[in-house]
Amino acid sequence: MSDPFLTLGIDPDADDHVVESAYRAAIKRCPPDRDPAGFQAVRAAYERVRTQRDRIAYALFETEPPEPIDILRRAEAQGRREDEARPRRPDPALFAALLRGED
């Protein structure tokens, strides 16, 4: 299962208001009638981190290892935060090579 914080586009230390705002914005991007799979992913992510208590439980008890795509998305998001003036677009070919284990 993918990282709910990446799915919603929020930081793990976000408060309830930020989580709900991100959820509403994600629903507008992925309405259920046009993108049912995207809507389900957003809904599942929101259910996992809806409240502060849910976020603490997720941090403490989530035992699944992250998916490779989540690791790459997290690295991409970190790169954007460090260089806000010029967001970098990752190279899909580089990601594919990394996932295959190539250098």
N, C-alpha and C. Protein backbone atom coordinates (compact mmCIF):
# COMPACT_ATOMS: atom_id res chain seq x y z
N MET A 1 0.84 -1.18 0.00
CA MET A 1 0.00 0.00 0.00
C MET A 1 0.88 1.24 0.00
N SER A 2 0.50 2.25 -0.72
CA SER A 2 1.33 3.44 -0.85
C SER A 2 1.23 4.33 0.39
N ASP A 3 2.18 5.21 0.51
CA ASP A 3 2.27 6.12 1.65
C ASP A 3 1.12 7.12 1.59
N PRO A 4 0.28 7.19 2.64
CA PRO A 4 -0.86 8.11 2.61
C PRO A 4 -0.44 9.57 2.59
N PHE A 5 0.71 9.89 3.17
CA PHE A 5 1.15 11.28 3.18
C PHE A 5 1.54 11.73 1.77
N LEU A 6 2.16 10.84 1.02
CA LEU A 6 2.49 11.17 -0.36
C LEU A 6 1.25 11.24 -1.24
N THR A 7 0.31 10.35 -0.98
CA THR A 7 -0.93 10.35 -1.76
C THR A 7 -1.69 11.66 -1.58
N LEU A 8 -1.73 12.14 -0.34
CA LEU A 8 -2.44 13.39 -0.06
C LEU A 8 -1.57 14.62 -0.30
N GLY A 9 -0.26 14.44 -0.40
CA GLY A 9 0.64 15.57 -0.63
C GLY A 9 0.86 16.42 0.61
N ILE A 10 0.97 15.77 1.76
CA ILE A 10 1.16 16.49 3.02
C ILE A 10 2.38 15.96 3.76
N ASP A 11 2.83 16.73 4.75
CA ASP A 11 3.92 16.29 5.61
C ASP A 11 3.36 15.41 6.71
N PRO A 12 4.16 14.49 7.24
CA PRO A 12 3.67 13.63 8.34
C PRO A 12 3.30 14.41 9.60
N ASP A 13 3.83 15.61 9.78
CA ASP A 13 3.51 16.39 10.98
C ASP A 13 2.37 17.39 10.75
N ALA A 14 1.59 17.21 9.70
CA ALA A 14 0.47 18.10 9.41
C ALA A 14 -0.63 17.94 10.45
N ASP A 15 -1.37 19.02 10.67
CA ASP A 15 -2.47 18.94 11.63
C ASP A 15 -3.76 18.51 10.91
N ASP A 16 -4.83 18.33 11.70
CA ASP A 16 -6.10 17.82 11.16
C ASP A 16 -6.66 18.71 10.06
N HIS A 17 -6.54 20.01 10.22
CA HIS A 17 -7.09 20.94 9.23
C HIS A 17 -6.36 20.80 7.89
N VAL A 18 -5.04 20.67 7.93
CA VAL A 18 -4.26 20.51 6.70
C VAL A 18 -4.60 19.19 6.02
N VAL A 19 -4.77 18.13 6.81
CA VAL A 19 -5.11 16.83 6.24
C VAL A 19 -6.46 16.90 5.54
N GLU A 20 -7.44 17.52 6.18
CA GLU A 20 -8.76 17.62 5.56
C GLU A 20 -8.73 18.49 4.31
N SER A 21 -7.99 19.58 4.35
CA SER A 21 -7.88 20.45 3.17
C SER A 21 -7.22 19.71 2.01
N ALA A 22 -6.17 18.95 2.31
CA ALA A 22 -5.50 18.18 1.27
C ALA A 22 -6.43 17.12 0.70
N TYR A 23 -7.22 16.50 1.57
CA TYR A 23 -8.17 15.49 1.11
C TYR A 23 -9.20 16.11 0.16
N ARG A 24 -9.74 17.24 0.53
CA ARG A 24 -10.73 17.89 -0.34
C ARG A 24 -10.13 18.30 -1.68
N ALA A 25 -8.90 18.79 -1.66
CA ALA A 25 -8.24 19.16 -2.91
C ALA A 25 -7.97 17.92 -3.77
N ALA A 26 -7.59 16.81 -3.13
CA ALA A 26 -7.33 15.57 -3.88
C ALA A 26 -8.62 15.02 -4.48
N ILE A 27 -9.72 15.16 -3.77
CA ILE A 27 -11.02 14.71 -4.29
C ILE A 27 -11.41 15.52 -5.53
N LYS A 28 -11.07 16.79 -5.53
CA LYS A 28 -11.36 17.62 -6.71
C LYS A 28 -10.50 17.17 -7.90
N ARG A 29 -9.26 16.73 -7.62
CA ARG A 29 -8.39 16.25 -8.71
C ARG A 29 -8.82 14.88 -9.22
N CYS A 30 -9.36 14.05 -8.33
CA CYS A 30 -9.73 12.67 -8.68
C CYS A 30 -11.18 12.41 -8.30
N PRO A 31 -12.14 13.00 -9.02
CA PRO A 31 -13.53 12.75 -8.67
C PRO A 31 -13.90 11.28 -8.92
N PRO A 32 -14.81 10.73 -8.13
CA PRO A 32 -15.13 9.30 -8.24
C PRO A 32 -15.72 8.90 -9.59
N ASP A 33 -16.40 9.81 -10.26
CA ASP A 33 -16.99 9.44 -11.54
C ASP A 33 -15.98 9.45 -12.68
N ARG A 34 -14.88 10.20 -12.55
CA ARG A 34 -13.89 10.26 -13.63
C ARG A 34 -12.67 9.39 -13.37
N ASP A 35 -12.27 9.26 -12.11
CA ASP A 35 -11.07 8.48 -11.76
C ASP A 35 -11.36 7.65 -10.51
N PRO A 36 -12.10 6.54 -10.67
CA PRO A 36 -12.48 5.75 -9.50
C PRO A 36 -11.28 5.17 -8.74
N ALA A 37 -10.23 4.75 -9.46
CA ALA A 37 -9.06 4.18 -8.78
C ALA A 37 -8.33 5.26 -7.99
N GLY A 38 -8.18 6.43 -8.57
CA GLY A 38 -7.54 7.54 -7.86
C GLY A 38 -8.35 7.97 -6.65
N PHE A 39 -9.67 8.00 -6.81
CA PHE A 39 -10.54 8.36 -5.70
C PHE A 39 -10.40 7.36 -4.56
N GLN A 40 -10.37 6.07 -4.88
CA GLN A 40 -10.22 5.05 -3.85
C GLN A 40 -8.88 5.17 -3.13
N ALA A 41 -7.82 5.47 -3.86
CA ALA A 41 -6.50 5.64 -3.25
C ALA A 41 -6.49 6.83 -2.30
N VAL A 42 -7.11 7.93 -2.73
CA VAL A 42 -7.17 9.13 -1.89
C VAL A 42 -8.02 8.86 -0.65
N ARG A 43 -9.14 8.20 -0.85
CA ARG A 43 -10.03 7.89 0.27
C ARG A 43 -9.34 6.98 1.29
N ALA A 44 -8.65 5.95 0.82
CA ALA A 44 -7.94 5.04 1.71
C ALA A 44 -6.83 5.77 2.47
N ALA A 45 -6.12 6.66 1.78
CA ALA A 45 -5.06 7.43 2.44
C ALA A 45 -5.65 8.33 3.52
N TYR A 46 -6.75 8.97 3.21
CA TYR A 46 -7.39 9.86 4.19
C TYR A 46 -7.88 9.07 5.40
N GLU A 47 -8.44 7.91 5.19
CA GLU A 47 -8.93 7.10 6.30
C GLU A 47 -7.78 6.67 7.22
N ARG A 48 -6.60 6.48 6.66
CA ARG A 48 -5.46 6.04 7.47
C ARG A 48 -4.86 7.15 8.32
N VAL A 49 -4.98 8.41 7.89
CA VAL A 49 -4.33 9.51 8.62
C VAL A 49 -5.28 10.66 8.92
N ARG A 50 -6.54 10.38 9.07
CA ARG A 50 -7.56 11.41 9.24
C ARG A 50 -7.33 12.28 10.48
N THR A 51 -7.08 11.68 11.63
CA THR A 51 -6.92 12.44 12.87
C THR A 51 -5.50 12.29 13.40
N GLN A 52 -5.20 13.11 14.41
CA GLN A 52 -3.89 13.02 15.04
C GLN A 52 -3.65 11.62 15.61
N ARG A 53 -4.67 11.06 16.20
CA ARG A 53 -4.56 9.70 16.76
C ARG A 53 -4.26 8.68 15.66
N ASP A 54 -4.91 8.81 14.52
CA ASP A 54 -4.66 7.91 13.39
C ASP A 54 -3.23 8.06 12.87
N ARG A 55 -2.73 9.30 12.82
CA ARG A 55 -1.37 9.52 12.34
C ARG A 55 -0.34 8.93 13.30
N ILE A 56 -0.59 9.04 14.60
CA ILE A 56 0.32 8.45 15.58
C ILE A 56 0.30 6.93 15.46
N ALA A 57 -0.90 6.35 15.33
CA ALA A 57 -1.00 4.90 15.17
C ALA A 57 -0.31 4.44 13.89
N TYR A 58 -0.44 5.19 12.83
CA TYR A 58 0.22 4.85 11.57
C TYR A 58 1.74 4.86 11.77
N ALA A 59 2.25 5.90 12.44
CA ALA A 59 3.69 6.00 12.65
C ALA A 59 4.22 4.88 13.54
N LEU A 60 3.43 4.48 14.52
CA LEU A 60 3.88 3.46 15.46
C LEU A 60 3.72 2.03 14.96
N PHE A 61 2.63 1.77 14.27
CA PHE A 61 2.28 0.38 13.98
C PHE A 61 2.33 -0.02 12.52
N GLU A 62 2.65 0.88 11.62
CA GLU A 62 2.74 0.52 10.21
C GLU A 62 3.96 -0.36 10.01
N THR A 63 3.74 -1.59 9.61
CA THR A 63 4.83 -2.55 9.50
C THR A 63 5.18 -2.91 8.07
N GLU A 64 4.39 -2.47 7.10
CA GLU A 64 4.69 -2.78 5.70
C GLU A 64 5.89 -1.95 5.24
N PRO A 65 6.82 -2.57 4.53
CA PRO A 65 7.92 -1.78 3.98
C PRO A 65 7.39 -0.85 2.89
N PRO A 66 8.02 0.30 2.70
CA PRO A 66 7.55 1.20 1.65
C PRO A 66 7.75 0.60 0.27
N GLU A 67 6.87 0.96 -0.63
CA GLU A 67 7.00 0.52 -2.01
C GLU A 67 8.11 1.33 -2.66
N PRO A 68 8.80 0.78 -3.65
CA PRO A 68 9.88 1.54 -4.31
C PRO A 68 9.43 2.87 -4.88
N ILE A 69 8.23 2.92 -5.43
CA ILE A 69 7.76 4.18 -6.00
C ILE A 69 7.56 5.22 -4.91
N ASP A 70 7.18 4.79 -3.69
CA ASP A 70 7.03 5.73 -2.58
C ASP A 70 8.38 6.31 -2.17
N ILE A 71 9.40 5.49 -2.19
CA ILE A 71 10.74 5.98 -1.85
C ILE A 71 11.18 7.03 -2.85
N LEU A 72 10.93 6.77 -4.12
CA LEU A 72 11.30 7.72 -5.16
C LEU A 72 10.48 9.00 -5.07
N ARG A 73 9.19 8.88 -4.79
CA ARG A 73 8.35 10.07 -4.64
C ARG A 73 8.76 10.90 -3.44
N ARG A 74 9.12 10.22 -2.35
CA ARG A 74 9.58 10.94 -1.16
C ARG A 74 10.87 11.70 -1.46
N ALA A 75 11.78 11.08 -2.21
CA ALA A 75 13.03 11.74 -2.59
C ALA A 75 12.75 12.94 -3.50
N GLU A 76 11.80 12.77 -4.41
CA GLU A 76 11.43 13.88 -5.29
C GLU A 76 10.84 15.04 -4.49
N ALA A 77 9.96 14.73 -3.54
CA ALA A 77 9.35 15.77 -2.72
C ALA A 77 10.40 16.48 -1.87
N GLN A 78 11.35 15.73 -1.34
CA GLN A 78 12.43 16.33 -0.55
C GLN A 78 13.26 17.27 -1.42
N GLY A 79 13.53 16.89 -2.64
CA GLY A 79 14.28 17.74 -3.56
C GLY A 79 13.55 19.03 -3.85
N ARG A 80 12.22 18.97 -3.96
CA ARG A 80 11.44 20.17 -4.21
C ARG A 80 11.47 21.12 -3.02
N ARG A 81 11.43 20.58 -1.80
CA ARG A 81 11.44 21.43 -0.62
C ARG A 81 12.77 22.16 -0.46
N GLU A 82 13.87 21.51 -0.82
CA GLU A 82 15.18 22.13 -0.68
C GLU A 82 15.39 23.23 -1.70
N ASP A 83 14.76 23.12 -2.86
CA ASP A 83 14.98 24.08 -3.94
C ASP A 83 13.62 24.56 -4.45
N GLU A 84 12.92 25.35 -3.64
CA GLU A 84 11.57 25.79 -3.99
C GLU A 84 11.56 26.68 -5.24
N ALA A 85 12.62 27.41 -5.48
CA ALA A 85 12.63 28.34 -6.60
C ALA A 85 12.57 27.60 -7.94
N ARG A 86 13.16 26.43 -8.00
CA ARG A 86 13.19 25.71 -9.27
C ARG A 86 12.90 24.24 -9.03
N PRO A 87 11.62 23.85 -9.03
CA PRO A 87 11.30 22.43 -8.83
C PRO A 87 11.86 21.59 -9.96
N ARG A 88 12.46 20.48 -9.60
CA ARG A 88 13.04 19.58 -10.59
C ARG A 88 12.03 18.52 -10.96
N ARG A 89 12.03 18.18 -12.21
CA ARG A 89 11.18 17.10 -12.70
C ARG A 89 12.05 15.86 -12.84
N PRO A 90 11.70 14.77 -12.16
CA PRO A 90 12.55 13.57 -12.24
C PRO A 90 12.51 12.95 -13.63
N ASP A 91 13.59 12.30 -13.95
CA ASP A 91 13.70 11.62 -15.23
C ASP A 91 13.09 10.23 -15.11
N PRO A 92 11.99 9.94 -15.83
CA PRO A 92 11.35 8.63 -15.73
C PRO A 92 12.28 7.48 -16.09
N ALA A 93 13.19 7.70 -17.03
CA ALA A 93 14.13 6.64 -17.40
C ALA A 93 15.07 6.31 -16.24
N LEU A 94 15.47 7.34 -15.49
CA LEU A 94 16.33 7.11 -14.33
C LEU A 94 15.57 6.32 -13.27
N PHE A 95 14.31 6.66 -13.03
CA PHE A 95 13.50 5.92 -12.07
C PHE A 95 13.37 4.46 -12.48
N ALA A 96 13.11 4.23 -13.75
CA ALA A 96 12.95 2.86 -14.22
C ALA A 96 14.25 2.08 -14.04
N ALA A 97 15.37 2.71 -14.33
CA ALA A 97 16.66 2.04 -14.13
C ALA A 97 16.93 1.75 -12.66
N LEU A 98 16.57 2.68 -11.78
CA LEU A 98 16.75 2.46 -10.35
C LEU A 98 15.87 1.30 -9.86
N LEU A 99 14.65 1.24 -10.34
CA LEU A 99 13.76 0.16 -9.94
C LEU A 99 14.24 -1.20 -10.44
N ARG A 100 14.93 -1.21 -11.57
CA ARG A 100 15.48 -2.46 -12.10
C ARG A 100 16.78 -2.83 -11.39
N GLY A 101 17.34 -1.92 -10.58
CA GLY A 101 18.57 -2.18 -9.86
C GLY A 101 19.82 -1.80 -10.63
N GLU A 102 19.65 -1.02 -11.68
CA GLU A 102 20.81 -0.58 -12.46
C GLU A 102 21.39 0.69 -11.85
N ASP A 103 22.65 0.96 -12.16
CA ASP A 103 23.29 2.19 -11.67
C ASP A 103 23.13 3.32 -12.64
